[in-house]
Amino acid sequence: MTDQKLPRMRTLALEQMDAQQRRIYDEIAAGPRGGVPGPLAVWIQSPGLADTAQRLGQFVRYESALPPRLSELAILVTGRYWEAEYEWWVHRPIAEEAGLDAAVIDAILHRQTPEFSQADERVIYEFATELHRDRRVSEATYAEALELLGHRGVVDLVGICGYYTLIAMTLNVFEVPLPDGEECVFSR
C-alpha cells in the first residue's frame, strides 16, 4: 500500500493498481528511494508520467554533474520558492548531510540572502534564485556558473531546478501532507 493519504485524490492500494501502475510502483520502490513517497504516490495515477519523471528524478538526484552539496542547495532554493513544505522537509536533512551549512539553509528558509563561505554555493544560489524569480539568468551569473560547472553542469543545474519545480507543483496542487507529527516551517 502507498504510505500516505492525499487530500485531493484517492491513494491507490497495491490491489487497486493496474498492471502498469504496479510495475512502475515496484520499480520505484526497489530503487534508491526505497519507497514511493510524496509526489511519486501522486504520479502513480498516471504511470507513464510516473515512470518518465522518476527516471529523470533519479538522474538529477543521484547522477548529475553537481556534487550533492550543490544540487541540494538548488533543490532547497526551488522548494522555498514554491513553498513546497514536503520538498523542504525531505531535502533539508539531505543538504545538511551533504555539507551545506545550517546558516545557509536557515537564511533560505527565512527568505534572506545567505552569507556564503564557499564561492560555488553563492553561484548556485544566485543562478537558481534568478532562474525562479526572473525566469532567466543574467549574463554575469551564467558566466560564473559556466566557469564553475562547465556546459554539462549548467545543463544539469537547469534540469535540477526544473525537475524540483515539477515536484513542488505536484506537492502543492495535490496538497501532499507532511508525515504525522511533522510541523510546517514556511510562514507564507
N, C-alpha and C. Protein backbone atom coordinates (compact mmCIF):
# COMPACT_ATOMS: atom_id res chain seq x y z
N MET A 1 0.84 -1.18 0.00
CA MET A 1 0.00 0.00 0.00
C MET A 1 0.88 1.24 0.00
N THR A 2 0.44 2.32 -0.64
CA THR A 2 1.18 3.56 -0.56
C THR A 2 1.14 4.05 0.87
N ASP A 3 2.07 4.93 1.24
CA ASP A 3 2.28 5.23 2.64
C ASP A 3 1.66 6.55 3.11
N GLN A 4 0.66 7.08 2.42
CA GLN A 4 0.10 8.34 2.86
C GLN A 4 -1.30 8.56 2.31
N LYS A 5 -2.00 9.48 2.93
CA LYS A 5 -3.31 9.89 2.43
C LYS A 5 -3.13 11.21 1.70
N LEU A 6 -3.73 11.32 0.55
CA LEU A 6 -3.64 12.54 -0.24
C LEU A 6 -4.99 13.23 -0.21
N PRO A 7 -5.05 14.47 0.24
CA PRO A 7 -6.35 15.13 0.39
C PRO A 7 -7.12 15.32 -0.91
N ARG A 8 -6.44 15.47 -2.03
CA ARG A 8 -7.13 15.79 -3.27
C ARG A 8 -7.33 14.62 -4.21
N MET A 9 -6.92 13.45 -3.82
CA MET A 9 -7.15 12.28 -4.67
C MET A 9 -7.07 11.02 -3.83
N ARG A 10 -7.61 9.97 -4.35
CA ARG A 10 -7.54 8.71 -3.64
C ARG A 10 -6.12 8.16 -3.72
N THR A 11 -5.68 7.56 -2.65
CA THR A 11 -4.40 6.88 -2.64
C THR A 11 -4.65 5.44 -3.06
N LEU A 12 -3.91 4.98 -4.01
CA LEU A 12 -4.11 3.63 -4.51
C LEU A 12 -3.45 2.61 -3.61
N ALA A 13 -4.22 1.63 -3.20
CA ALA A 13 -3.65 0.46 -2.55
C ALA A 13 -3.07 -0.43 -3.65
N LEU A 14 -2.14 -1.27 -3.31
CA LEU A 14 -1.49 -2.13 -4.31
C LEU A 14 -2.51 -2.92 -5.12
N GLU A 15 -3.53 -3.44 -4.46
CA GLU A 15 -4.53 -4.26 -5.16
C GLU A 15 -5.43 -3.43 -6.08
N GLN A 16 -5.41 -2.11 -5.95
CA GLN A 16 -6.21 -1.25 -6.83
C GLN A 16 -5.45 -0.84 -8.08
N MET A 17 -4.15 -1.08 -8.12
CA MET A 17 -3.33 -0.65 -9.25
C MET A 17 -3.48 -1.60 -10.42
N ASP A 18 -3.49 -1.02 -11.62
CA ASP A 18 -3.46 -1.88 -12.80
C ASP A 18 -2.03 -2.39 -12.98
N ALA A 19 -1.82 -3.24 -13.96
CA ALA A 19 -0.51 -3.89 -14.14
C ALA A 19 0.60 -2.87 -14.37
N GLN A 20 0.34 -1.85 -15.17
CA GLN A 20 1.37 -0.85 -15.45
C GLN A 20 1.69 -0.04 -14.20
N GLN A 21 0.67 0.37 -13.46
CA GLN A 21 0.89 1.11 -12.22
C GLN A 21 1.71 0.27 -11.24
N ARG A 22 1.36 -0.99 -11.10
CA ARG A 22 2.06 -1.87 -10.15
C ARG A 22 3.51 -2.08 -10.57
N ARG A 23 3.75 -2.24 -11.86
CA ARG A 23 5.13 -2.42 -12.35
C ARG A 23 5.96 -1.19 -12.02
N ILE A 24 5.43 0.00 -12.29
CA ILE A 24 6.15 1.24 -12.02
C ILE A 24 6.34 1.41 -10.51
N TYR A 25 5.30 1.14 -9.75
CA TYR A 25 5.38 1.23 -8.29
C TYR A 25 6.52 0.35 -7.77
N ASP A 26 6.54 -0.90 -8.22
CA ASP A 26 7.57 -1.84 -7.76
C ASP A 26 8.97 -1.39 -8.17
N GLU A 27 9.11 -0.86 -9.37
CA GLU A 27 10.42 -0.38 -9.83
C GLU A 27 10.90 0.79 -8.97
N ILE A 28 10.00 1.73 -8.68
CA ILE A 28 10.38 2.88 -7.86
C ILE A 28 10.74 2.41 -6.45
N ALA A 29 9.91 1.56 -5.87
CA ALA A 29 10.15 1.09 -4.50
C ALA A 29 11.46 0.31 -4.38
N ALA A 30 11.85 -0.37 -5.44
CA ALA A 30 13.09 -1.16 -5.41
C ALA A 30 14.33 -0.31 -5.66
N GLY A 31 14.15 0.96 -6.07
CA GLY A 31 15.27 1.83 -6.39
C GLY A 31 15.86 2.51 -5.17
N PRO A 32 16.70 3.52 -5.40
CA PRO A 32 17.40 4.17 -4.29
C PRO A 32 16.48 4.93 -3.33
N ARG A 33 15.26 5.23 -3.74
CA ARG A 33 14.34 5.93 -2.84
C ARG A 33 13.78 4.99 -1.76
N GLY A 34 13.73 3.69 -2.07
CA GLY A 34 13.26 2.70 -1.11
C GLY A 34 11.78 2.73 -0.83
N GLY A 35 11.03 3.45 -1.61
CA GLY A 35 9.58 3.55 -1.43
C GLY A 35 8.99 4.41 -2.52
N VAL A 36 7.73 4.74 -2.37
CA VAL A 36 7.02 5.57 -3.35
C VAL A 36 6.40 6.74 -2.58
N PRO A 37 7.24 7.69 -2.18
CA PRO A 37 6.78 8.78 -1.31
C PRO A 37 6.25 9.98 -2.08
N GLY A 38 5.59 10.86 -1.35
CA GLY A 38 5.22 12.19 -1.81
C GLY A 38 4.68 12.26 -3.21
N PRO A 39 5.36 12.99 -4.08
CA PRO A 39 4.84 13.20 -5.44
C PRO A 39 4.77 11.92 -6.25
N LEU A 40 5.62 10.97 -5.96
CA LEU A 40 5.58 9.71 -6.70
C LEU A 40 4.28 8.96 -6.45
N ALA A 41 3.75 9.09 -5.24
CA ALA A 41 2.44 8.48 -4.94
C ALA A 41 1.34 9.12 -5.77
N VAL A 42 1.49 10.40 -6.06
CA VAL A 42 0.53 11.09 -6.94
C VAL A 42 0.71 10.61 -8.37
N TRP A 43 1.95 10.60 -8.83
CA TRP A 43 2.23 10.27 -10.23
C TRP A 43 1.81 8.85 -10.60
N ILE A 44 1.74 7.93 -9.65
CA ILE A 44 1.32 6.56 -9.94
C ILE A 44 -0.05 6.55 -10.63
N GLN A 45 -0.87 7.57 -10.38
CA GLN A 45 -2.17 7.68 -11.06
C GLN A 45 -1.99 7.72 -12.58
N SER A 46 -0.85 8.27 -13.02
CA SER A 46 -0.50 8.34 -14.44
C SER A 46 0.83 7.61 -14.62
N PRO A 47 0.79 6.30 -14.82
CA PRO A 47 2.02 5.52 -14.78
C PRO A 47 3.07 5.95 -15.82
N GLY A 48 2.64 6.43 -16.97
CA GLY A 48 3.62 6.91 -17.95
C GLY A 48 4.39 8.11 -17.42
N LEU A 49 3.69 9.03 -16.80
CA LEU A 49 4.35 10.18 -16.18
C LEU A 49 5.23 9.71 -15.03
N ALA A 50 4.70 8.84 -14.19
CA ALA A 50 5.47 8.35 -13.04
C ALA A 50 6.78 7.72 -13.49
N ASP A 51 6.72 6.88 -14.50
CA ASP A 51 7.91 6.19 -14.98
C ASP A 51 8.93 7.18 -15.54
N THR A 52 8.48 8.07 -16.39
CA THR A 52 9.38 9.03 -17.02
C THR A 52 9.95 10.01 -15.99
N ALA A 53 9.10 10.53 -15.14
CA ALA A 53 9.55 11.52 -14.15
C ALA A 53 10.47 10.90 -13.12
N GLN A 54 10.19 9.70 -12.67
CA GLN A 54 11.06 9.10 -11.66
C GLN A 54 12.44 8.80 -12.23
N ARG A 55 12.52 8.46 -13.53
CA ARG A 55 13.84 8.24 -14.14
C ARG A 55 14.61 9.54 -14.22
N LEU A 56 13.92 10.64 -14.58
CA LEU A 56 14.58 11.95 -14.58
C LEU A 56 15.02 12.30 -13.16
N GLY A 57 14.14 12.06 -12.19
CA GLY A 57 14.47 12.34 -10.80
C GLY A 57 15.67 11.56 -10.31
N GLN A 58 15.76 10.31 -10.71
CA GLN A 58 16.92 9.50 -10.31
C GLN A 58 18.19 10.11 -10.88
N PHE A 59 18.13 10.57 -12.13
CA PHE A 59 19.32 11.18 -12.72
C PHE A 59 19.70 12.46 -11.99
N VAL A 60 18.76 13.40 -11.85
CA VAL A 60 19.14 14.69 -11.26
C VAL A 60 19.52 14.57 -9.79
N ARG A 61 18.96 13.61 -9.10
CA ARG A 61 19.27 13.45 -7.67
C ARG A 61 20.55 12.68 -7.43
N TYR A 62 20.80 11.64 -8.22
CA TYR A 62 21.90 10.73 -7.92
C TYR A 62 23.03 10.70 -8.95
N GLU A 63 22.81 11.26 -10.14
CA GLU A 63 23.79 11.07 -11.20
C GLU A 63 24.21 12.35 -11.91
N SER A 64 23.76 13.50 -11.48
CA SER A 64 24.11 14.75 -12.18
C SER A 64 25.58 15.10 -11.98
N ALA A 65 26.05 16.06 -12.73
CA ALA A 65 27.43 16.52 -12.64
C ALA A 65 27.70 17.32 -11.37
N LEU A 66 26.66 17.76 -10.69
CA LEU A 66 26.85 18.56 -9.48
C LEU A 66 27.06 17.65 -8.26
N PRO A 67 27.96 18.05 -7.37
CA PRO A 67 28.08 17.29 -6.13
C PRO A 67 26.82 17.50 -5.28
N PRO A 68 26.50 16.55 -4.41
CA PRO A 68 25.26 16.64 -3.63
C PRO A 68 25.09 17.96 -2.87
N ARG A 69 26.14 18.52 -2.32
CA ARG A 69 26.02 19.78 -1.58
C ARG A 69 25.43 20.87 -2.46
N LEU A 70 25.85 20.94 -3.72
CA LEU A 70 25.36 21.98 -4.62
C LEU A 70 23.99 21.66 -5.19
N SER A 71 23.75 20.39 -5.52
CA SER A 71 22.43 20.06 -6.04
C SER A 71 21.37 20.23 -4.95
N GLU A 72 21.70 19.88 -3.72
CA GLU A 72 20.74 20.06 -2.63
C GLU A 72 20.47 21.55 -2.37
N LEU A 73 21.48 22.38 -2.55
CA LEU A 73 21.27 23.83 -2.43
C LEU A 73 20.26 24.30 -3.47
N ALA A 74 20.43 23.86 -4.71
CA ALA A 74 19.48 24.24 -5.77
C ALA A 74 18.08 23.72 -5.46
N ILE A 75 17.99 22.52 -4.91
CA ILE A 75 16.69 21.94 -4.55
C ILE A 75 16.03 22.76 -3.45
N LEU A 76 16.79 23.17 -2.44
CA LEU A 76 16.21 23.98 -1.36
C LEU A 76 15.75 25.34 -1.86
N VAL A 77 16.53 25.97 -2.73
CA VAL A 77 16.09 27.25 -3.31
C VAL A 77 14.77 27.05 -4.05
N THR A 78 14.67 25.97 -4.80
CA THR A 78 13.45 25.67 -5.56
C THR A 78 12.28 25.40 -4.62
N GLY A 79 12.50 24.55 -3.64
CA GLY A 79 11.43 24.23 -2.69
C GLY A 79 10.94 25.45 -1.95
N ARG A 80 11.86 26.33 -1.58
CA ARG A 80 11.46 27.54 -0.85
C ARG A 80 10.69 28.48 -1.77
N TYR A 81 11.17 28.62 -3.00
CA TYR A 81 10.49 29.50 -3.96
C TYR A 81 9.03 29.07 -4.12
N TRP A 82 8.81 27.77 -4.22
CA TRP A 82 7.46 27.22 -4.43
C TRP A 82 6.71 26.96 -3.14
N GLU A 83 7.35 27.21 -2.00
CA GLU A 83 6.75 26.95 -0.69
C GLU A 83 6.24 25.51 -0.60
N ALA A 84 7.08 24.60 -1.03
CA ALA A 84 6.75 23.18 -1.03
C ALA A 84 7.29 22.55 0.26
N GLU A 85 6.43 22.50 1.25
CA GLU A 85 6.82 22.02 2.58
C GLU A 85 7.42 20.62 2.55
N TYR A 86 6.78 19.71 1.84
CA TYR A 86 7.26 18.34 1.80
C TYR A 86 8.65 18.28 1.17
N GLU A 87 8.87 19.00 0.10
CA GLU A 87 10.18 19.04 -0.56
C GLU A 87 11.24 19.55 0.41
N TRP A 88 10.93 20.60 1.14
CA TRP A 88 11.86 21.15 2.12
C TRP A 88 12.13 20.13 3.22
N TRP A 89 11.06 19.49 3.71
CA TRP A 89 11.19 18.52 4.79
C TRP A 89 12.10 17.36 4.39
N VAL A 90 11.97 16.89 3.16
CA VAL A 90 12.81 15.79 2.69
C VAL A 90 14.25 16.25 2.50
N HIS A 91 14.46 17.40 1.90
CA HIS A 91 15.80 17.77 1.43
C HIS A 91 16.64 18.56 2.42
N ARG A 92 16.05 19.17 3.43
CA ARG A 92 16.89 19.88 4.41
C ARG A 92 17.89 18.94 5.06
N PRO A 93 17.48 17.81 5.62
CA PRO A 93 18.48 16.94 6.24
C PRO A 93 19.49 16.36 5.24
N ILE A 94 19.06 16.14 4.02
CA ILE A 94 19.98 15.65 2.99
C ILE A 94 21.02 16.71 2.69
N ALA A 95 20.60 17.97 2.61
CA ALA A 95 21.52 19.08 2.36
C ALA A 95 22.53 19.21 3.50
N GLU A 96 22.04 19.10 4.73
CA GLU A 96 22.95 19.18 5.88
C GLU A 96 23.96 18.04 5.85
N GLU A 97 23.49 16.84 5.56
CA GLU A 97 24.38 15.67 5.49
C GLU A 97 25.40 15.83 4.37
N ALA A 98 25.01 16.51 3.29
CA ALA A 98 25.92 16.73 2.16
C ALA A 98 26.93 17.83 2.44
N GLY A 99 26.79 18.53 3.56
CA GLY A 99 27.78 19.54 3.94
C GLY A 99 27.34 20.98 3.78
N LEU A 100 26.07 21.22 3.46
CA LEU A 100 25.59 22.60 3.35
C LEU A 100 25.40 23.15 4.76
N ASP A 101 25.95 24.33 5.01
CA ASP A 101 25.92 24.94 6.33
C ASP A 101 24.49 25.25 6.76
N ALA A 102 24.17 24.96 8.01
CA ALA A 102 22.83 25.22 8.54
C ALA A 102 22.46 26.69 8.46
N ALA A 103 23.43 27.58 8.59
CA ALA A 103 23.14 29.02 8.49
C ALA A 103 22.68 29.40 7.09
N VAL A 104 23.25 28.76 6.08
CA VAL A 104 22.81 28.99 4.69
C VAL A 104 21.38 28.50 4.53
N ILE A 105 21.11 27.32 5.04
CA ILE A 105 19.77 26.73 4.93
C ILE A 105 18.75 27.61 5.65
N ASP A 106 19.08 28.06 6.85
CA ASP A 106 18.15 28.91 7.61
C ASP A 106 17.90 30.24 6.92
N ALA A 107 18.92 30.82 6.30
CA ALA A 107 18.73 32.07 5.56
C ALA A 107 17.75 31.87 4.42
N ILE A 108 17.90 30.77 3.67
CA ILE A 108 16.97 30.48 2.58
C ILE A 108 15.56 30.29 3.13
N LEU A 109 15.45 29.56 4.21
CA LEU A 109 14.15 29.35 4.84
C LEU A 109 13.46 30.68 5.16
N HIS A 110 14.22 31.64 5.64
CA HIS A 110 13.67 32.94 6.05
C HIS A 110 13.72 34.00 4.93
N ARG A 111 13.93 33.52 3.70
CA ARG A 111 13.96 34.39 2.52
C ARG A 111 15.00 35.51 2.63
N GLN A 112 16.13 35.15 3.17
CA GLN A 112 17.26 36.07 3.27
C GLN A 112 18.38 35.56 2.39
N THR A 113 19.20 36.46 1.89
CA THR A 113 20.35 36.05 1.11
C THR A 113 21.41 35.53 2.07
N PRO A 114 21.83 34.29 1.90
CA PRO A 114 22.82 33.71 2.82
C PRO A 114 24.18 34.39 2.68
N GLU A 115 24.97 34.31 3.73
CA GLU A 115 26.38 34.68 3.67
C GLU A 115 27.14 33.39 3.40
N PHE A 116 27.77 33.33 2.25
CA PHE A 116 28.42 32.11 1.82
C PHE A 116 29.91 32.13 2.16
N SER A 117 30.41 31.03 2.68
CA SER A 117 31.85 30.89 2.88
C SER A 117 32.48 30.20 1.68
N GLN A 118 31.64 29.64 0.80
CA GLN A 118 32.15 28.95 -0.38
C GLN A 118 31.57 29.59 -1.64
N ALA A 119 32.44 29.99 -2.53
CA ALA A 119 32.02 30.70 -3.73
C ALA A 119 31.11 29.85 -4.61
N ASP A 120 31.33 28.54 -4.68
CA ASP A 120 30.49 27.71 -5.54
C ASP A 120 29.04 27.72 -5.06
N GLU A 121 28.82 27.77 -3.77
CA GLU A 121 27.47 27.83 -3.24
C GLU A 121 26.79 29.15 -3.61
N ARG A 122 27.54 30.24 -3.56
CA ARG A 122 26.98 31.55 -3.94
C ARG A 122 26.52 31.52 -5.40
N VAL A 123 27.32 30.94 -6.26
CA VAL A 123 26.97 30.88 -7.69
C VAL A 123 25.70 30.04 -7.90
N ILE A 124 25.62 28.89 -7.26
CA ILE A 124 24.42 28.03 -7.39
C ILE A 124 23.20 28.77 -6.87
N TYR A 125 23.33 29.40 -5.71
CA TYR A 125 22.22 30.14 -5.12
C TYR A 125 21.75 31.26 -6.06
N GLU A 126 22.68 32.04 -6.57
CA GLU A 126 22.30 33.14 -7.47
C GLU A 126 21.66 32.62 -8.75
N PHE A 127 22.21 31.57 -9.31
CA PHE A 127 21.66 31.00 -10.53
C PHE A 127 20.23 30.52 -10.30
N ALA A 128 20.04 29.69 -9.29
CA ALA A 128 18.70 29.14 -9.02
C ALA A 128 17.71 30.24 -8.64
N THR A 129 18.16 31.20 -7.87
CA THR A 129 17.28 32.30 -7.46
C THR A 129 16.86 33.13 -8.67
N GLU A 130 17.81 33.50 -9.50
CA GLU A 130 17.47 34.28 -10.70
C GLU A 130 16.55 33.49 -11.62
N LEU A 131 16.85 32.22 -11.81
CA LEU A 131 16.04 31.41 -12.72
C LEU A 131 14.58 31.36 -12.26
N HIS A 132 14.34 31.17 -10.98
CA HIS A 132 12.97 31.13 -10.48
C HIS A 132 12.32 32.51 -10.45
N ARG A 133 13.04 33.46 -9.94
CA ARG A 133 12.47 34.81 -9.76
C ARG A 133 12.28 35.53 -11.09
N ASP A 134 13.30 35.47 -11.96
CA ASP A 134 13.30 36.27 -13.19
C ASP A 134 12.94 35.45 -14.43
N ARG A 135 12.88 34.14 -14.28
CA ARG A 135 12.61 33.21 -15.38
C ARG A 135 13.71 33.19 -16.43
N ARG A 136 14.87 33.67 -16.06
CA ARG A 136 16.08 33.64 -16.87
C ARG A 136 17.27 33.92 -15.97
N VAL A 137 18.45 33.87 -16.51
CA VAL A 137 19.67 34.08 -15.73
C VAL A 137 20.50 35.15 -16.42
N SER A 138 21.04 36.08 -15.65
CA SER A 138 21.83 37.17 -16.20
C SER A 138 23.12 36.64 -16.84
N GLU A 139 23.69 37.44 -17.73
CA GLU A 139 24.96 37.06 -18.37
C GLU A 139 26.05 36.82 -17.34
N ALA A 140 26.13 37.69 -16.34
CA ALA A 140 27.18 37.55 -15.32
C ALA A 140 27.02 36.25 -14.54
N THR A 141 25.82 35.94 -14.13
CA THR A 141 25.58 34.71 -13.36
C THR A 141 25.81 33.49 -14.23
N TYR A 142 25.36 33.54 -15.47
CA TYR A 142 25.59 32.43 -16.39
C TYR A 142 27.08 32.18 -16.58
N ALA A 143 27.84 33.26 -16.79
CA ALA A 143 29.28 33.11 -17.00
C ALA A 143 29.96 32.49 -15.77
N GLU A 144 29.55 32.91 -14.59
CA GLU A 144 30.13 32.32 -13.37
C GLU A 144 29.77 30.84 -13.25
N ALA A 145 28.53 30.51 -13.54
CA ALA A 145 28.10 29.11 -13.46
C ALA A 145 28.84 28.27 -14.50
N LEU A 146 29.01 28.80 -15.69
CA LEU A 146 29.71 28.08 -16.74
C LEU A 146 31.16 27.84 -16.34
N GLU A 147 31.80 28.84 -15.78
CA GLU A 147 33.19 28.70 -15.31
C GLU A 147 33.29 27.63 -14.21
N LEU A 148 32.33 27.62 -13.32
CA LEU A 148 32.33 26.69 -12.19
C LEU A 148 31.97 25.27 -12.61
N LEU A 149 30.94 25.13 -13.44
CA LEU A 149 30.34 23.82 -13.71
C LEU A 149 30.60 23.26 -15.09
N GLY A 150 30.98 24.10 -16.03
CA GLY A 150 31.07 23.67 -17.42
C GLY A 150 29.67 23.55 -18.02
N HIS A 151 29.63 23.28 -19.32
CA HIS A 151 28.33 23.22 -20.00
C HIS A 151 27.44 22.11 -19.43
N ARG A 152 28.00 20.92 -19.21
CA ARG A 152 27.20 19.82 -18.68
C ARG A 152 26.62 20.19 -17.32
N GLY A 153 27.42 20.78 -16.46
CA GLY A 153 26.96 21.12 -15.13
C GLY A 153 25.85 22.16 -15.14
N VAL A 154 25.96 23.15 -16.06
CA VAL A 154 24.91 24.17 -16.16
C VAL A 154 23.62 23.53 -16.66
N VAL A 155 23.72 22.65 -17.64
CA VAL A 155 22.52 21.96 -18.12
C VAL A 155 21.91 21.13 -16.99
N ASP A 156 22.75 20.42 -16.25
CA ASP A 156 22.24 19.62 -15.13
C ASP A 156 21.60 20.51 -14.06
N LEU A 157 22.19 21.67 -13.79
CA LEU A 157 21.62 22.60 -12.81
C LEU A 157 20.22 23.05 -13.24
N VAL A 158 20.05 23.38 -14.51
CA VAL A 158 18.73 23.75 -15.01
C VAL A 158 17.77 22.56 -14.86
N GLY A 159 18.25 21.36 -15.17
CA GLY A 159 17.43 20.17 -15.01
C GLY A 159 17.00 19.94 -13.57
N ILE A 160 17.90 20.16 -12.63
CA ILE A 160 17.56 20.01 -11.21
C ILE A 160 16.48 21.01 -10.83
N CYS A 161 16.67 22.27 -11.21
CA CYS A 161 15.65 23.28 -10.88
C CYS A 161 14.32 22.96 -11.53
N GLY A 162 14.34 22.50 -12.77
CA GLY A 162 13.10 22.17 -13.47
C GLY A 162 12.39 20.96 -12.88
N TYR A 163 13.15 19.91 -12.59
CA TYR A 163 12.55 18.71 -12.02
C TYR A 163 11.94 19.00 -10.66
N TYR A 164 12.66 19.72 -9.83
CA TYR A 164 12.14 20.00 -8.49
C TYR A 164 11.03 21.05 -8.51
N THR A 165 10.91 21.81 -9.58
CA THR A 165 9.73 22.64 -9.77
C THR A 165 8.52 21.75 -10.05
N LEU A 166 8.69 20.74 -10.90
CA LEU A 166 7.62 19.77 -11.14
C LEU A 166 7.21 19.09 -9.83
N ILE A 167 8.19 18.69 -9.05
CA ILE A 167 7.91 18.09 -7.73
C ILE A 167 7.09 19.06 -6.89
N ALA A 168 7.55 20.30 -6.78
CA ALA A 168 6.87 21.30 -5.95
C ALA A 168 5.45 21.56 -6.43
N MET A 169 5.27 21.67 -7.74
CA MET A 169 3.92 21.87 -8.27
C MET A 169 3.01 20.70 -7.90
N THR A 170 3.52 19.48 -8.05
CA THR A 170 2.74 18.30 -7.70
C THR A 170 2.37 18.30 -6.22
N LEU A 171 3.34 18.57 -5.38
CA LEU A 171 3.10 18.60 -3.94
C LEU A 171 2.05 19.65 -3.58
N ASN A 172 2.15 20.82 -4.18
CA ASN A 172 1.24 21.91 -3.84
C ASN A 172 -0.16 21.70 -4.41
N VAL A 173 -0.26 21.27 -5.65
CA VAL A 173 -1.59 21.07 -6.25
C VAL A 173 -2.36 19.97 -5.53
N PHE A 174 -1.67 18.87 -5.21
CA PHE A 174 -2.34 17.74 -4.59
C PHE A 174 -2.25 17.75 -3.05
N GLU A 175 -1.72 18.86 -2.54
CA GLU A 175 -1.66 19.09 -1.09
C GLU A 175 -1.09 17.88 -0.34
N VAL A 176 0.06 17.41 -0.83
CA VAL A 176 0.71 16.26 -0.20
C VAL A 176 1.16 16.69 1.20
N PRO A 177 0.67 16.02 2.22
CA PRO A 177 0.97 16.43 3.59
C PRO A 177 2.34 15.94 4.07
N LEU A 178 2.82 16.61 5.09
CA LEU A 178 3.99 16.11 5.80
C LEU A 178 3.56 14.88 6.60
N PRO A 179 4.50 14.03 6.94
CA PRO A 179 4.14 12.88 7.80
C PRO A 179 3.55 13.37 9.13
N ASP A 180 2.75 12.52 9.73
CA ASP A 180 2.15 12.85 11.01
C ASP A 180 3.22 13.28 12.01
N GLY A 181 2.92 14.35 12.75
CA GLY A 181 3.83 14.84 13.77
C GLY A 181 4.85 15.84 13.29
N GLU A 182 4.96 16.03 11.97
CA GLU A 182 5.92 17.00 11.42
C GLU A 182 5.22 18.35 11.28
N GLU A 183 5.97 19.41 11.56
CA GLU A 183 5.42 20.76 11.53
C GLU A 183 5.82 21.48 10.25
N CYS A 184 4.91 22.28 9.71
CA CYS A 184 5.22 23.15 8.57
C CYS A 184 6.21 24.23 9.05
N VAL A 185 7.12 24.61 8.19
CA VAL A 185 8.13 25.61 8.57
C VAL A 185 8.01 26.92 7.81
N PHE A 186 7.26 26.93 6.74
CA PHE A 186 7.15 28.17 5.97
C PHE A 186 6.05 29.05 6.54
N SER A 187 6.39 30.30 6.74
CA SER A 187 5.34 31.27 7.07
C SER A 187 5.10 32.03 5.78
N ARG A 188 4.01 31.73 5.20
CA ARG A 188 3.72 32.25 3.85
C ARG A 188 3.52 33.72 3.96
